[in-house]
């Protein structure tokens, strides 16, 4: 199955930050969560894909063709939305749709109204009157109405209440169910990925740490709790933290037997635990109050 999107060694240098050899790919039927702490390079990468910023080197392919050389044709097949939808706030959804439709050859008015009805989205409301969740639904409705095959969304669930987030994630799962669409969305809300992502791409300080299946990523690590730090095991942790009544840490799954022999019971971690400890390993943060 060919890739919908493939990045190969993409570099972008700023005075205080750089993307460094960013590479990953997404296939039809996949939901890929793009994770990393704020400032890690998620939005810069997404803007590079859409040629909103000019990257210095590397290659970005969409639907088997060079994104730069076939930008207009490929963008007809991509639905893209940044985290904050705030243009023309005094216009209604209907008015915005009339403008947006001019950019897409395959825009389907009837499909747009059908999706808005499904999303309980009042198209006669002004953009400024929409909740954050409704703005995400509007972006998705536009993408589906020009028959986008790949949705690229920047922090689509940020700021949503738990019910709205769950609803959006249900929509994402439904979109890819047929196997002929894919979604790439950046997020720092790792619990969202536990619910819907098939794949994970993890970026740290401008470099890709991991890109592959969520299952393989989670299975690479184990979470350990202990009453006190065993000095013989300290060096075996990827990272750990000392709480008032216990030690918590992340270990490599390959190191499980070492901890079991010392009477501990490593557990499967969730994505948040993995990300927190991987970031903690490199940050070496300490606070004095």
C-alpha atoms as a PDB file:
ATOM      1  CA  UNK A   1       0.000   0.000   0.000  1.00  0.00           C
ATOM      2  CA  UNK A   2       1.533   3.310  -1.077  1.00  0.00           C
ATOM      3  CA  UNK A   3       2.035   6.181   1.333  1.00  0.00           C
ATOM      4  CA  UNK A   4      -0.341   9.121   1.385  1.00  0.00           C
ATOM      5  CA  UNK A   5       2.444  11.198   2.899  1.00  0.00           C
ATOM      6  CA  UNK A   6       6.169  10.617   3.332  1.00  0.00           C
ATOM      7  CA  UNK A   7       8.825  12.915   4.785  1.00  0.00           C
ATOM      8  CA  UNK A   8      12.468  12.111   4.186  1.00  0.00           C
ATOM      9  CA  UNK A   9      15.254  13.918   6.078  1.00  0.00           C
ATOM     10  CA  UNK A  10      13.462  17.266   6.272  1.00  0.00           C
ATOM     11  CA  UNK A  11      15.569  20.049   7.798  1.00  0.00           C
ATOM     12  CA  UNK A  12      14.659  23.594   8.757  1.00  0.00           C
ATOM     13  CA  UNK A  13      17.035  25.839  10.679  1.00  0.00           C
ATOM     14  CA  UNK A  14      15.993  28.828  12.791  1.00  0.00           C
ATOM     15  CA  UNK A  15      18.288  30.908  15.018  1.00  0.00           C
ATOM     16  CA  UNK A  16      17.155  29.105  18.175  1.00  0.00           C
ATOM     17  CA  UNK A  17      15.541  25.901  16.845  1.00  0.00           C
ATOM     18  CA  UNK A  18      15.962  23.360  14.051  1.00  0.00           C
ATOM     19  CA  UNK A  19      14.114  20.466  12.495  1.00  0.00           C
ATOM     20  CA  UNK A  20      16.724  17.758  12.038  1.00  0.00           C
ATOM     21  CA  UNK A  21      16.290  14.987   9.442  1.00  0.00           C
ATOM     22  CA  UNK A  22      12.565  14.566  10.126  1.00  0.00           C
ATOM     23  CA  UNK A  23      11.305  11.381   8.468  1.00  0.00           C
ATOM     24  CA  UNK A  24       8.013   9.490   8.759  1.00  0.00           C
ATOM     25  CA  UNK A  25       5.179   8.205   6.565  1.00  0.00           C
ATOM     26  CA  UNK A  26       1.434   7.631   6.807  1.00  0.00           C
ATOM     27  CA  UNK A  27      -0.671   5.172   4.815  1.00  0.00           C
ATOM     28  CA  UNK A  28      -4.406   5.011   4.007  1.00  0.00           C
ATOM     29  CA  UNK A  29      -6.533   3.832   6.905  1.00  0.00           C
ATOM     30  CA  UNK A  30      -4.146   5.122   9.572  1.00  0.00           C
ATOM     31  CA  UNK A  31      -4.637   7.675  12.319  1.00  0.00           C
ATOM     32  CA  UNK A  32      -1.220   8.975  13.265  1.00  0.00           C
ATOM     33  CA  UNK A  33      -0.748  10.964  16.448  1.00  0.00           C
ATOM     34  CA  UNK A  34       2.104  13.447  16.209  1.00  0.00           C
ATOM     35  CA  UNK A  35       3.323  13.979  19.776  1.00  0.00           C
ATOM     36  CA  UNK A  36       5.956  16.008  21.567  1.00  0.00           C
ATOM     37  CA  UNK A  37       6.113  18.761  24.140  1.00  0.00           C
ATOM     38  CA  UNK A  38       5.393  22.380  23.201  1.00  0.00           C
ATOM     39  CA  UNK A  39       8.169  23.755  21.012  1.00  0.00           C
ATOM     40  CA  UNK A  40       9.371  20.319  19.874  1.00  0.00           C
ATOM     41  CA  UNK A  41       8.646  21.064  16.205  1.00  0.00           C
ATOM     42  CA  UNK A  42       5.154  19.693  15.574  1.00  0.00           C
ATOM     43  CA  UNK A  43       3.626  22.822  14.030  1.00  0.00           C
ATOM     44  CA  UNK A  44       6.813  23.625  12.104  1.00  0.00           C
ATOM     45  CA  UNK A  45       6.676  20.148  10.575  1.00  0.00           C
ATOM     46  CA  UNK A  46       3.009  20.462   9.619  1.00  0.00           C
ATOM     47  CA  UNK A  47       3.588  23.879   8.059  1.00  0.00           C
ATOM     48  CA  UNK A  48       6.530  22.450   6.119  1.00  0.00           C
ATOM     49  CA  UNK A  49       4.302  19.692   4.735  1.00  0.00           C
ATOM     50  CA  UNK A  50       1.824  22.297   3.477  1.00  0.00           C
ATOM     51  CA  UNK A  51       4.625  24.528   2.116  1.00  0.00           C
ATOM     52  CA  UNK A  52       3.560  27.354   4.439  1.00  0.00           C
ATOM     53  CA  UNK A  53       7.209  27.625   5.417  1.00  0.00           C
ATOM     54  CA  UNK A  54      10.145  26.731   3.193  1.00  0.00           C
ATOM     55  CA  UNK A  55      12.244  23.924   4.611  1.00  0.00           C
ATOM     56  CA  UNK A  56      15.978  23.919   3.888  1.00  0.00           C
ATOM     57  CA  UNK A  57      16.519  20.367   2.664  1.00  0.00           C
ATOM     58  CA  UNK A  58      14.917  16.957   2.416  1.00  0.00           C
ATOM     59  CA  UNK A  59      11.879  15.715   0.547  1.00  0.00           C
ATOM     60  CA  UNK A  60       8.129  15.685   1.192  1.00  0.00           C
ATOM     61  CA  UNK A  61       6.008  13.395  -0.963  1.00  0.00           C
ATOM     62  CA  UNK A  62       2.198  13.388  -1.035  1.00  0.00           C
ATOM     63  CA  UNK A  63       0.269  10.680  -2.889  1.00  0.00           C
ATOM     64  CA  UNK A  64       3.489   9.577  -4.539  1.00  0.00           C
ATOM     65  CA  UNK A  65       4.441  12.982  -5.948  1.00  0.00           C
ATOM     66  CA  UNK A  66       6.720  15.776  -4.762  1.00  0.00           C
ATOM     67  CA  UNK A  67       4.660  18.157  -2.634  1.00  0.00           C
ATOM     68  CA  UNK A  68       6.426  21.281  -3.884  1.00  0.00           C
ATOM     69  CA  UNK A  69       6.169  20.330  -7.548  1.00  0.00           C
ATOM     70  CA  UNK A  70       2.518  19.267  -7.308  1.00  0.00           C
ATOM     71  CA  UNK A  71       1.340  21.555  -4.518  1.00  0.00           C
ATOM     72  CA  UNK A  72      -1.958  22.711  -6.039  1.00  0.00           C
ATOM     73  CA  UNK A  73      -3.067  19.222  -7.106  1.00  0.00           C
ATOM     74  CA  UNK A  74      -2.078  17.643  -3.783  1.00  0.00           C
ATOM     75  CA  UNK A  75      -3.776  20.310  -1.703  1.00  0.00           C
ATOM     76  CA  UNK A  76      -7.035  19.428  -3.437  1.00  0.00           C
ATOM     77  CA  UNK A  77      -6.699  16.044  -1.734  1.00  0.00           C
ATOM     78  CA  UNK A  78      -5.646  17.333   1.714  1.00  0.00           C
ATOM     79  CA  UNK A  79      -7.760  18.892   4.462  1.00  0.00           C
ATOM     80  CA  UNK A  80      -5.588  21.108   6.656  1.00  0.00           C
ATOM     81  CA  UNK A  81      -6.406  23.097   9.779  1.00  0.00           C
ATOM     82  CA  UNK A  82      -4.182  24.923  12.247  1.00  0.00           C
ATOM     83  CA  UNK A  83      -5.053  24.928  15.920  1.00  0.00           C
ATOM     84  CA  UNK A  84      -6.776  28.311  16.032  1.00  0.00           C
ATOM     85  CA  UNK A  85      -9.528  29.051  13.526  1.00  0.00           C
ATOM     86  CA  UNK A  86     -10.009  32.816  13.757  1.00  0.00           C
ATOM     87  CA  UNK A  87     -10.258  34.308  10.266  1.00  0.00           C
ATOM     88  CA  UNK A  88     -13.376  36.357   9.424  1.00  0.00           C
ATOM     89  CA  UNK A  89     -14.969  35.849  12.861  1.00  0.00           C
ATOM     90  CA  UNK A  90     -18.036  37.914  11.932  1.00  0.00           C
ATOM     91  CA  UNK A  91     -18.913  35.721   8.957  1.00  0.00           C
ATOM     92  CA  UNK A  92     -21.335  32.823   9.200  1.00  0.00           C
ATOM     93  CA  UNK A  93     -20.322  29.268   8.396  1.00  0.00           C
ATOM     94  CA  UNK A  94     -22.481  29.464   5.269  1.00  0.00           C
ATOM     95  CA  UNK A  95     -20.666  32.608   4.105  1.00  0.00           C
ATOM     96  CA  UNK A  96     -17.250  31.085   4.823  1.00  0.00           C
ATOM     97  CA  UNK A  97     -18.214  27.958   2.911  1.00  0.00           C
ATOM     98  CA  UNK A  98     -19.132  30.045  -0.133  1.00  0.00           C
ATOM     99  CA  UNK A  99     -15.627  31.532  -0.121  1.00  0.00           C
ATOM    100  CA  UNK A 100     -13.806  28.274   0.660  1.00  0.00           C
ATOM    101  CA  UNK A 101     -15.590  26.253  -2.028  1.00  0.00           C
ATOM    102  CA  UNK A 102     -13.970  28.383  -4.749  1.00  0.00           C
ATOM    103  CA  UNK A 103     -10.576  26.877  -3.914  1.00  0.00           C
ATOM    104  CA  UNK A 104     -11.639  23.259  -4.461  1.00  0.00           C
ATOM    105  CA  UNK A 105     -12.680  21.745  -7.798  1.00  0.00           C
ATOM    106  CA  UNK A 106     -14.570  18.895  -6.144  1.00  0.00           C
ATOM    107  CA  UNK A 107     -16.368  20.839  -3.436  1.00  0.00           C
ATOM    108  CA  UNK A 108     -19.789  19.332  -2.787  1.00  0.00           C
ATOM    109  CA  UNK A 109     -22.332  21.756  -1.299  1.00  0.00           C
ATOM    110  CA  UNK A 110     -24.819  19.025  -0.519  1.00  0.00           C
ATOM    111  CA  UNK A 111     -22.120  16.982   1.223  1.00  0.00           C
ATOM    112  CA  UNK A 112     -21.143  20.011   3.316  1.00  0.00           C
ATOM    113  CA  UNK A 113     -24.719  20.557   4.495  1.00  0.00           C
ATOM    114  CA  UNK A 114     -25.108  16.831   5.169  1.00  0.00           C
ATOM    115  CA  UNK A 115     -21.968  16.705   7.325  1.00  0.00           C
ATOM    116  CA  UNK A 116     -22.915  19.889   9.187  1.00  0.00           C
ATOM    117  CA  UNK A 117     -26.305  18.375   9.965  1.00  0.00           C
ATOM    118  CA  UNK A 118     -24.619  15.186  11.176  1.00  0.00           C
ATOM    119  CA  UNK A 119     -22.329  17.296  13.404  1.00  0.00           C
ATOM    120  CA  UNK A 120     -25.260  19.427  14.684  1.00  0.00           C
ATOM    121  CA  UNK A 121     -23.427  22.422  13.248  1.00  0.00           C
ATOM    122  CA  UNK A 122     -25.652  25.449  12.592  1.00  0.00           C
ATOM    123  CA  UNK A 123     -24.312  26.909   9.339  1.00  0.00           C
ATOM    124  CA  UNK A 124     -25.997  30.258   9.990  1.00  0.00           C
ATOM    125  CA  UNK A 125     -23.945  30.867  13.128  1.00  0.00           C
ATOM    126  CA  UNK A 126     -20.998  33.243  13.004  1.00  0.00           C
ATOM    127  CA  UNK A 127     -17.550  31.805  13.496  1.00  0.00           C
ATOM    128  CA  UNK A 128     -17.063  33.828  16.691  1.00  0.00           C
ATOM    129  CA  UNK A 129     -20.181  32.180  18.132  1.00  0.00           C
ATOM    130  CA  UNK A 130     -18.801  28.664  17.775  1.00  0.00           C
ATOM    131  CA  UNK A 131     -17.264  26.708  20.621  1.00  0.00           C
ATOM    132  CA  UNK A 132     -13.788  25.232  20.158  1.00  0.00           C
ATOM    133  CA  UNK A 133     -15.337  21.842  19.458  1.00  0.00           C
ATOM    134  CA  UNK A 134     -17.651  23.261  16.815  1.00  0.00           C
ATOM    135  CA  UNK A 135     -14.703  24.974  15.109  1.00  0.00           C
ATOM    136  CA  UNK A 136     -12.956  21.610  14.826  1.00  0.00           C
ATOM    137  CA  UNK A 137     -16.129  20.107  13.364  1.00  0.00           C
ATOM    138  CA  UNK A 138     -16.305  22.957  10.859  1.00  0.00           C
ATOM    139  CA  UNK A 139     -12.721  22.267   9.727  1.00  0.00           C
ATOM    140  CA  UNK A 140     -13.494  18.556   9.353  1.00  0.00           C
ATOM    141  CA  UNK A 141     -16.741  19.334   7.481  1.00  0.00           C
ATOM    142  CA  UNK A 142     -14.825  21.463   4.960  1.00  0.00           C
ATOM    143  CA  UNK A 143     -12.256  18.686   4.476  1.00  0.00           C
ATOM    144  CA  UNK A 144     -14.880  16.008   3.934  1.00  0.00           C
ATOM    145  CA  UNK A 145     -16.853  18.237   1.555  1.00  0.00           C
ATOM    146  CA  UNK A 146     -14.004  18.503  -0.923  1.00  0.00           C
ATOM    147  CA  UNK A 147     -13.392  14.762  -0.525  1.00  0.00           C
ATOM    148  CA  UNK A 148     -10.007  15.137   1.170  1.00  0.00           C
ATOM    149  CA  UNK A 149      -8.176  11.839   1.476  1.00  0.00           C
ATOM    150  CA  UNK A 150      -5.659  13.058   4.058  1.00  0.00           C
ATOM    151  CA  UNK A 151      -6.557  15.266   7.022  1.00  0.00           C
ATOM    152  CA  UNK A 152      -3.689  17.172   8.676  1.00  0.00           C
ATOM    153  CA  UNK A 153      -4.813  18.826  11.901  1.00  0.00           C
ATOM    154  CA  UNK A 154      -2.802  20.839  14.412  1.00  0.00           C
ATOM    155  CA  UNK A 155      -3.954  20.287  18.023  1.00  0.00           C
ATOM    156  CA  UNK A 156      -7.614  19.668  17.030  1.00  0.00           C
ATOM    157  CA  UNK A 157      -8.698  18.590  20.523  1.00  0.00           C
ATOM    158  CA  UNK A 158      -6.833  21.243  22.521  1.00  0.00           C
ATOM    159  CA  UNK A 159      -9.145  23.184  24.791  1.00  0.00           C
ATOM    160  CA  UNK A 160     -12.124  20.877  24.309  1.00  0.00           C
ATOM    161  CA  UNK A 161     -14.152  19.495  27.189  1.00  0.00           C
ATOM    162  CA  UNK A 162     -13.997  15.687  27.663  1.00  0.00           C
ATOM    163  CA  UNK A 163     -17.362  15.064  25.968  1.00  0.00           C
ATOM    164  CA  UNK A 164     -16.485  17.143  22.897  1.00  0.00           C
ATOM    165  CA  UNK A 165     -13.057  15.507  22.655  1.00  0.00           C
ATOM    166  CA  UNK A 166     -14.584  12.047  22.758  1.00  0.00           C
ATOM    167  CA  UNK A 167     -17.058  13.043  20.055  1.00  0.00           C
ATOM    168  CA  UNK A 168     -14.276  14.355  17.785  1.00  0.00           C
ATOM    169  CA  UNK A 169     -12.260  11.148  18.276  1.00  0.00           C
ATOM    170  CA  UNK A 170     -15.317   9.074  17.314  1.00  0.00           C
ATOM    171  CA  UNK A 171     -15.538  11.153  14.131  1.00  0.00           C
ATOM    172  CA  UNK A 172     -11.857  10.505  13.371  1.00  0.00           C
ATOM    173  CA  UNK A 173     -12.328   6.747  13.742  1.00  0.00           C
ATOM    174  CA  UNK A 174     -15.352   6.836  11.451  1.00  0.00           C
ATOM    175  CA  UNK A 175     -13.467   8.836   8.801  1.00  0.00           C
ATOM    176  CA  UNK A 176     -10.719   6.211   8.381  1.00  0.00           C
ATOM    177  CA  UNK A 177     -12.959   3.164   8.773  1.00  0.00           C
ATOM    178  CA  UNK A 178     -13.325   2.651   5.012  1.00  0.00           C
ATOM    179  CA  UNK A 179      -9.540   2.472   4.619  1.00  0.00           C
ATOM    180  CA  UNK A 180      -9.295   5.134   1.907  1.00  0.00           C
ATOM    181  CA  UNK A 181      -8.550   8.122   4.152  1.00  0.00           C
ATOM    182  CA  UNK A 182      -5.906   8.916   6.757  1.00  0.00           C
ATOM    183  CA  UNK A 183      -5.470  11.451   9.544  1.00  0.00           C
ATOM    184  CA  UNK A 184      -2.321  13.046  10.895  1.00  0.00           C
ATOM    185  CA  UNK A 185      -2.933  15.166  13.960  1.00  0.00           C
ATOM    186  CA  UNK A 186      -0.590  16.762  16.424  1.00  0.00           C
ATOM    187  CA  UNK A 187      -1.472  16.718  20.081  1.00  0.00           C
ATOM    188  CA  UNK A 188      -0.063  16.872  23.580  1.00  0.00           C
ATOM    189  CA  UNK A 189      -3.165  15.147  24.974  1.00  0.00           C
ATOM    190  CA  UNK A 190      -1.843  11.609  24.936  1.00  0.00           C
ATOM    191  CA  UNK A 191      -5.067  10.097  26.270  1.00  0.00           C
ATOM    192  CA  UNK A 192      -6.667  10.987  22.929  1.00  0.00           C
ATOM    193  CA  UNK A 193      -4.162   8.752  21.186  1.00  0.00           C
ATOM    194  CA  UNK A 194      -4.911   5.893  23.561  1.00  0.00           C
ATOM    195  CA  UNK A 195      -8.462   6.022  22.212  1.00  0.00           C
ATOM    196  CA  UNK A 196      -7.998   6.398  18.468  1.00  0.00           C
ATOM    197  CA  UNK A 197      -4.436   6.377  17.094  1.00  0.00           C
ATOM    198  CA  UNK A 198      -3.025   3.394  15.232  1.00  0.00           C
ATOM    199  CA  UNK A 199       0.402   4.979  14.825  1.00  0.00           C
ATOM    200  CA  UNK A 200       2.626   7.375  16.745  1.00  0.00           C
ATOM    201  CA  UNK A 201       5.310   9.780  15.625  1.00  0.00           C
ATOM    202  CA  UNK A 202       7.191  11.286  18.555  1.00  0.00           C
ATOM    203  CA  UNK A 203       9.331  14.383  18.035  1.00  0.00           C
ATOM    204  CA  UNK A 204      11.791  15.741  20.595  1.00  0.00           C
ATOM    205  CA  UNK A 205      13.765  18.950  20.123  1.00  0.00           C
ATOM    206  CA  UNK A 206      13.274  18.861  16.346  1.00  0.00           C
ATOM    207  CA  UNK A 207      14.244  15.199  15.880  1.00  0.00           C
ATOM    208  CA  UNK A 208      12.047  12.133  15.449  1.00  0.00           C
ATOM    209  CA  UNK A 209      12.502   9.756  18.380  1.00  0.00           C
ATOM    210  CA  UNK A 210      10.034   7.148  17.141  1.00  0.00           C
ATOM    211  CA  UNK A 211       7.627   6.581  14.271  1.00  0.00           C
ATOM    212  CA  UNK A 212       5.624   3.378  14.017  1.00  0.00           C
ATOM    213  CA  UNK A 213       2.681   1.566  15.524  1.00  0.00           C
ATOM    214  CA  UNK A 214       1.313   2.682  18.861  1.00  0.00           C
ATOM    215  CA  UNK A 215       1.353  -0.918  20.036  1.00  0.00           C
ATOM    216  CA  UNK A 216       5.078  -1.346  19.383  1.00  0.00           C
ATOM    217  CA  UNK A 217       5.836   1.996  21.029  1.00  0.00           C
ATOM    218  CA  UNK A 218       3.952   1.131  24.229  1.00  0.00           C
ATOM    219  CA  UNK A 219       5.358  -2.411  24.298  1.00  0.00           C
ATOM    220  CA  UNK A 220       8.912  -1.043  24.288  1.00  0.00           C
ATOM    221  CA  UNK A 221       8.548   0.292  27.840  1.00  0.00           C
ATOM    222  CA  UNK A 222       7.351  -0.707  31.291  1.00  0.00           C
ATOM    223  CA  UNK A 223       6.305   1.360  34.303  1.00  0.00           C
ATOM    224  CA  UNK A 224       7.735   0.544  37.733  1.00  0.00           C
ATOM    225  CA  UNK A 225       6.708   1.591  41.246  1.00  0.00           C
ATOM    226  CA  UNK A 226       8.831   0.905  44.327  1.00  0.00           C
ATOM    227  CA  UNK A 227       8.714   2.025  47.957  1.00  0.00           C
ATOM    228  CA  UNK A 228      12.301   3.249  47.923  1.00  0.00           C
ATOM    229  CA  UNK A 229      15.117   3.436  45.400  1.00  0.00           C
ATOM    230  CA  UNK A 230      17.173   0.283  45.108  1.00  0.00           C
ATOM    231  CA  UNK A 231      20.632   1.680  44.363  1.00  0.00           C
ATOM    232  CA  UNK A 232      21.521  -1.400  42.337  1.00  0.00           C
ATOM    233  CA  UNK A 233      18.578  -0.683  40.018  1.00  0.00           C
ATOM    234  CA  UNK A 234      18.947   3.099  39.771  1.00  0.00           C
ATOM    235  CA  UNK A 235      21.052   2.978  36.621  1.00  0.00           C
ATOM    236  CA  UNK A 236      18.545   0.619  34.953  1.00  0.00           C
ATOM    237  CA  UNK A 237      15.795   3.256  34.839  1.00  0.00           C
ATOM    238  CA  UNK A 238      15.333   5.358  31.716  1.00  0.00           C
ATOM    239  CA  UNK A 239      14.094   8.034  34.104  1.00  0.00           C
ATOM    240  CA  UNK A 240      12.412   8.122  37.490  1.00  0.00           C
ATOM    241  CA  UNK A 241      10.987  10.522  40.028  1.00  0.00           C
ATOM    242  CA  UNK A 242      10.818  10.409  43.792  1.00  0.00           C
ATOM    243  CA  UNK A 243       7.425  11.032  45.364  1.00  0.00           C
ATOM    244  CA  UNK A 244       6.619  11.320  49.072  1.00  0.00           C
ATOM    245  CA  UNK A 245       5.819   7.635  49.494  1.00  0.00           C
ATOM    246  CA  UNK A 246       7.312   5.863  46.474  1.00  0.00           C
ATOM    247  CA  UNK A 247       9.552   5.839  43.446  1.00  0.00           C
ATOM    248  CA  UNK A 248       8.014   5.819  39.959  1.00  0.00           C
ATOM    249  CA  UNK A 249      10.007   5.208  36.811  1.00  0.00           C
ATOM    250  CA  UNK A 250      10.132   4.070  33.223  1.00  0.00           C
ATOM    251  CA  UNK A 251      12.274   1.149  32.078  1.00  0.00           C
ATOM    252  CA  UNK A 252      12.974  -0.619  28.814  1.00  0.00           C
ATOM    253  CA  UNK A 253      10.839  -3.728  28.351  1.00  0.00           C
ATOM    254  CA  UNK A 254      14.088  -5.593  27.684  1.00  0.00           C
ATOM    255  CA  UNK A 255      15.065  -4.900  31.316  1.00  0.00           C
ATOM    256  CA  UNK A 256      11.960  -6.482  32.828  1.00  0.00           C
ATOM    257  CA  UNK A 257      13.706  -9.544  34.267  1.00  0.00           C
ATOM    258  CA  UNK A 258      16.178  -7.410  36.232  1.00  0.00           C
ATOM    259  CA  UNK A 259      13.328  -5.755  38.117  1.00  0.00           C
ATOM    260  CA  UNK A 260      11.265  -8.939  38.526  1.00  0.00           C
ATOM    261  CA  UNK A 261      14.263 -10.658  40.155  1.00  0.00           C
ATOM    262  CA  UNK A 262      14.257  -7.834  42.695  1.00  0.00           C
ATOM    263  CA  UNK A 263      10.631  -8.488  43.621  1.00  0.00           C
ATOM    264  CA  UNK A 264       9.035  -5.718  41.525  1.00  0.00           C
ATOM    265  CA  UNK A 265       6.097  -6.037  39.129  1.00  0.00           C
ATOM    266  CA  UNK A 266       6.564  -3.808  36.061  1.00  0.00           C
ATOM    267  CA  UNK A 267       3.295  -2.684  34.461  1.00  0.00           C
ATOM    268  CA  UNK A 268       2.285  -1.609  30.965  1.00  0.00           C
ATOM    269  CA  UNK A 269       2.535   2.200  30.817  1.00  0.00           C
ATOM    270  CA  UNK A 270       0.180   4.563  29.066  1.00  0.00           C
ATOM    271  CA  UNK A 271       1.390   7.072  26.480  1.00  0.00           C
ATOM    272  CA  UNK A 272       1.438   9.934  28.961  1.00  0.00           C
ATOM    273  CA  UNK A 273       3.745   8.068  31.335  1.00  0.00           C
ATOM    274  CA  UNK A 274       6.106   7.198  28.480  1.00  0.00           C
ATOM    275  CA  UNK A 275       6.246  10.741  27.164  1.00  0.00           C
ATOM    276  CA  UNK A 276       6.675  12.332  30.602  1.00  0.00           C
ATOM    277  CA  UNK A 277       9.595  10.099  31.546  1.00  0.00           C
ATOM    278  CA  UNK A 278      11.291  10.275  28.145  1.00  0.00           C
ATOM    279  CA  UNK A 279      11.157  14.067  28.336  1.00  0.00           C
ATOM    280  CA  UNK A 280      12.308  13.956  31.959  1.00  0.00           C
ATOM    281  CA  UNK A 281      15.329  11.871  30.970  1.00  0.00           C
ATOM    282  CA  UNK A 282      16.623  14.618  28.691  1.00  0.00           C
ATOM    283  CA  UNK A 283      15.416  17.686  30.523  1.00  0.00           C
ATOM    284  CA  UNK A 284      17.180  17.070  33.872  1.00  0.00           C
ATOM    285  CA  UNK A 285      14.819  19.563  35.430  1.00  0.00           C
ATOM    286  CA  UNK A 286      15.039  20.467  39.078  1.00  0.00           C
ATOM    287  CA  UNK A 287      13.040  23.066  40.966  1.00  0.00           C
ATOM    288  CA  UNK A 288      13.778  24.920  44.155  1.00  0.00           C
ATOM    289  CA  UNK A 289      10.926  26.821  45.782  1.00  0.00           C
END
